[in-house]
Amino acid sequence: MEELYLILGCFGNIDDGFINCRACENRILLINPKLFYYNEILDYLDNCGLFDKAIFDLNAIRNIIRVMQDKFEQVKKRLWHEKEYKKFDKFIQVHRDCGLYLKLELNKQISENSIIEEKTVPIINKEPEFQKPNLPFIRGRR
């Protein structure tokens, strides 16, 4: 099974040459088989469409994080500590003008090891030889 990161980020904000934010990403959850409800979390994220594309709607992002916090409790604790959860909420409030996104990303350590090396094939750039077409001579009426 692959390990995934749930990433919350913003695109940055520049207002008339003044930089409010340069854009940032935060890995908010490592999704691996050690989590309780691992398959249910993957099913939920798939139903949200995160396996197809990132989510850019502010309300959808807030709702996904809230539902995950409430629904997928780990043994005797929540998915995120209350302090972390409040940081996510504050990040969303502060960066709402930047444009937010929520996406999934493969864990780089795993994906680097599983990449198949490409073989290079040399391309020979050689001009084709011109051959005069062998057409029969046809006389016209003139």
Protein backbone atom coordinates (compact mmCIF):
# COMPACT_ATOMS: atom_id res chain seq x y z
CA MET A 1 0.00 0.00 0.00
CA GLU A 2 1.14 3.51 -0.79
CA GLU A 3 1.59 6.30 1.71
CA LEU A 4 -0.09 9.60 0.86
CA TYR A 5 0.09 13.09 2.27
CA LEU A 6 -2.97 15.27 2.58
CA ILE A 7 -1.71 18.76 1.74
CA LEU A 8 -3.35 22.09 2.55
CA GLY A 9 -1.86 25.03 0.69
CA CYS A 10 -2.37 28.48 -0.77
CA PHE A 11 -1.34 30.09 -4.06
CA GLY A 12 0.02 33.31 -2.58
CA ASN A 13 -1.21 36.86 -2.86
CA ILE A 14 0.42 39.94 -4.40
CA ASP A 15 -1.53 43.20 -4.27
CA ASP A 16 -0.17 46.05 -6.46
CA GLY A 17 3.39 44.79 -6.11
CA PHE A 18 3.05 44.27 -2.32
CA ILE A 19 3.58 40.63 -1.36
CA ASN A 20 1.08 39.49 1.23
CA CYS A 21 1.96 35.82 0.90
CA ARG A 22 4.42 33.94 -1.30
CA ALA A 23 2.39 30.69 -1.35
CA CYS A 24 2.91 27.71 0.93
CA GLU A 25 2.00 24.08 1.45
CA ASN A 26 1.46 22.20 4.67
CA ARG A 27 1.40 18.44 4.98
CA ILE A 28 -1.42 17.99 7.41
CA LEU A 29 -1.80 14.20 7.46
CA LEU A 30 0.27 11.17 6.51
CA ILE A 31 -2.18 8.56 5.31
CA ASN A 32 -0.69 5.10 5.71
CA PRO A 33 -1.96 1.63 6.64
CA LYS A 34 -1.07 2.22 10.30
CA LEU A 35 -4.03 4.61 10.67
CA PHE A 36 -7.24 3.19 12.02
CA TYR A 37 -10.02 3.45 9.41
CA TYR A 38 -7.34 3.61 6.69
CA ASN A 39 -9.60 2.16 3.99
CA GLU A 40 -12.54 4.29 5.10
CA ILE A 41 -10.37 7.44 4.92
CA LEU A 42 -9.27 6.51 1.40
CA ASP A 43 -12.89 5.85 0.39
CA TYR A 44 -13.98 9.21 1.82
CA LEU A 45 -11.20 11.09 0.01
CA ASP A 46 -12.09 9.25 -3.20
CA ASN A 47 -15.76 10.24 -2.80
CA CYS A 48 -14.61 13.84 -2.34
CA GLY A 49 -12.75 13.62 -5.65
CA LEU A 50 -9.26 14.16 -4.24
CA PHE A 51 -7.80 11.24 -6.17
CA ASP A 52 -8.85 12.92 -9.42
CA LYS A 53 -7.89 16.54 -8.76
CA ALA A 54 -7.19 19.07 -6.05
CA ILE A 55 -10.08 20.86 -4.35
CA PHE A 56 -10.13 24.66 -4.53
CA ASP A 57 -13.49 25.51 -2.92
CA LEU A 58 -13.01 27.09 0.51
CA ASN A 59 -16.19 25.60 2.00
CA ALA A 60 -15.42 22.13 0.63
CA ILE A 61 -11.92 22.24 2.14
CA ARG A 62 -13.26 23.27 5.55
CA ASN A 63 -15.96 20.60 5.41
CA ILE A 64 -13.56 17.79 4.41
CA ILE A 65 -11.19 18.61 7.28
CA ARG A 66 -14.07 18.91 9.78
CA VAL A 67 -15.67 15.62 8.70
CA MET A 68 -12.34 13.80 8.87
CA GLN A 69 -11.73 15.17 12.37
CA ASP A 70 -15.17 14.08 13.59
CA LYS A 71 -15.60 10.81 11.74
CA PHE A 72 -12.21 9.07 11.77
CA GLU A 73 -11.18 9.05 15.41
CA GLN A 74 -8.08 7.06 16.22
CA VAL A 75 -7.75 4.96 19.37
CA LYS A 76 -8.64 7.24 22.30
CA LYS A 77 -7.81 10.38 20.33
CA ARG A 78 -8.95 12.38 17.36
CA LEU A 79 -7.27 12.41 13.97
CA TRP A 80 -5.58 15.74 14.80
CA HIS A 81 -4.98 17.29 18.21
CA GLU A 82 -7.24 20.24 18.94
CA LYS A 83 -4.29 22.64 18.66
CA GLU A 84 -3.41 21.35 15.17
CA TYR A 85 -7.03 21.49 14.06
CA LYS A 86 -7.26 25.13 15.16
CA LYS A 87 -4.05 25.89 13.23
CA PHE A 88 -5.65 24.51 10.08
CA ASP A 89 -8.75 26.62 10.65
CA LYS A 90 -6.63 29.73 11.26
CA PHE A 91 -4.59 29.00 8.11
CA ILE A 92 -7.81 28.81 6.10
CA GLN A 93 -9.06 32.11 7.52
CA VAL A 94 -5.77 33.96 7.01
CA HIS A 95 -5.10 32.67 3.49
CA ARG A 96 -8.63 32.73 2.08
CA ASP A 97 -7.68 35.67 -0.19
CA CYS A 98 -4.67 33.74 -1.55
CA GLY A 99 -6.75 30.93 -2.96
CA LEU A 100 -6.64 27.64 -1.09
CA TYR A 101 -6.29 24.06 -2.23
CA LEU A 102 -6.41 20.61 -0.70
CA LYS A 103 -4.65 17.79 -2.53
CA LEU A 104 -3.14 14.35 -2.15
CA GLU A 105 0.52 13.64 -2.87
CA LEU A 106 2.48 10.41 -2.82
CA ASN A 107 5.11 10.12 -0.16
CA LYS A 108 8.31 11.07 -2.00
CA GLN A 109 10.47 8.46 -0.29
CA ILE A 110 8.30 5.67 -1.62
CA SER A 111 7.69 7.17 -5.05
CA GLU A 112 11.43 7.79 -5.65
CA ASN A 113 12.22 4.14 -5.01
CA SER A 114 9.43 2.87 -7.23
CA ILE A 115 10.26 4.97 -10.30
CA ILE A 116 11.32 2.86 -13.25
CA GLU A 117 14.36 4.20 -15.01
CA GLU A 118 13.82 5.24 -18.59
CA LYS A 119 16.08 3.97 -21.31
CA THR A 120 17.33 6.56 -23.73
CA VAL A 121 17.03 5.82 -27.40
CA PRO A 122 19.35 7.78 -29.69
CA ILE A 123 17.69 9.62 -32.52
CA ILE A 124 19.70 9.79 -35.70
CA ASN A 125 18.98 12.98 -37.56
CA LYS A 126 19.83 12.06 -41.12
CA GLU A 127 18.46 13.71 -44.21
CA PRO A 128 16.54 11.32 -46.42
CA GLU A 129 18.05 10.66 -49.81
CA PHE A 130 16.07 12.26 -52.62
CA GLN A 131 14.93 9.81 -55.22
CA LYS A 132 13.49 10.98 -58.49
CA PRO A 133 10.08 9.40 -58.96
CA ASN A 134 9.96 6.92 -61.83
CA LEU A 135 6.88 8.17 -63.70
CA PRO A 136 6.09 7.38 -67.33
CA PHE A 137 6.15 10.33 -69.71
CA ILE A 138 2.65 11.17 -70.93
CA ARG A 139 2.18 13.38 -73.99
CA GLY A 140 -0.62 15.85 -74.00
CA ARG A 141 -2.71 17.06 -76.98
CA ARG A 142 -0.38 19.89 -77.78
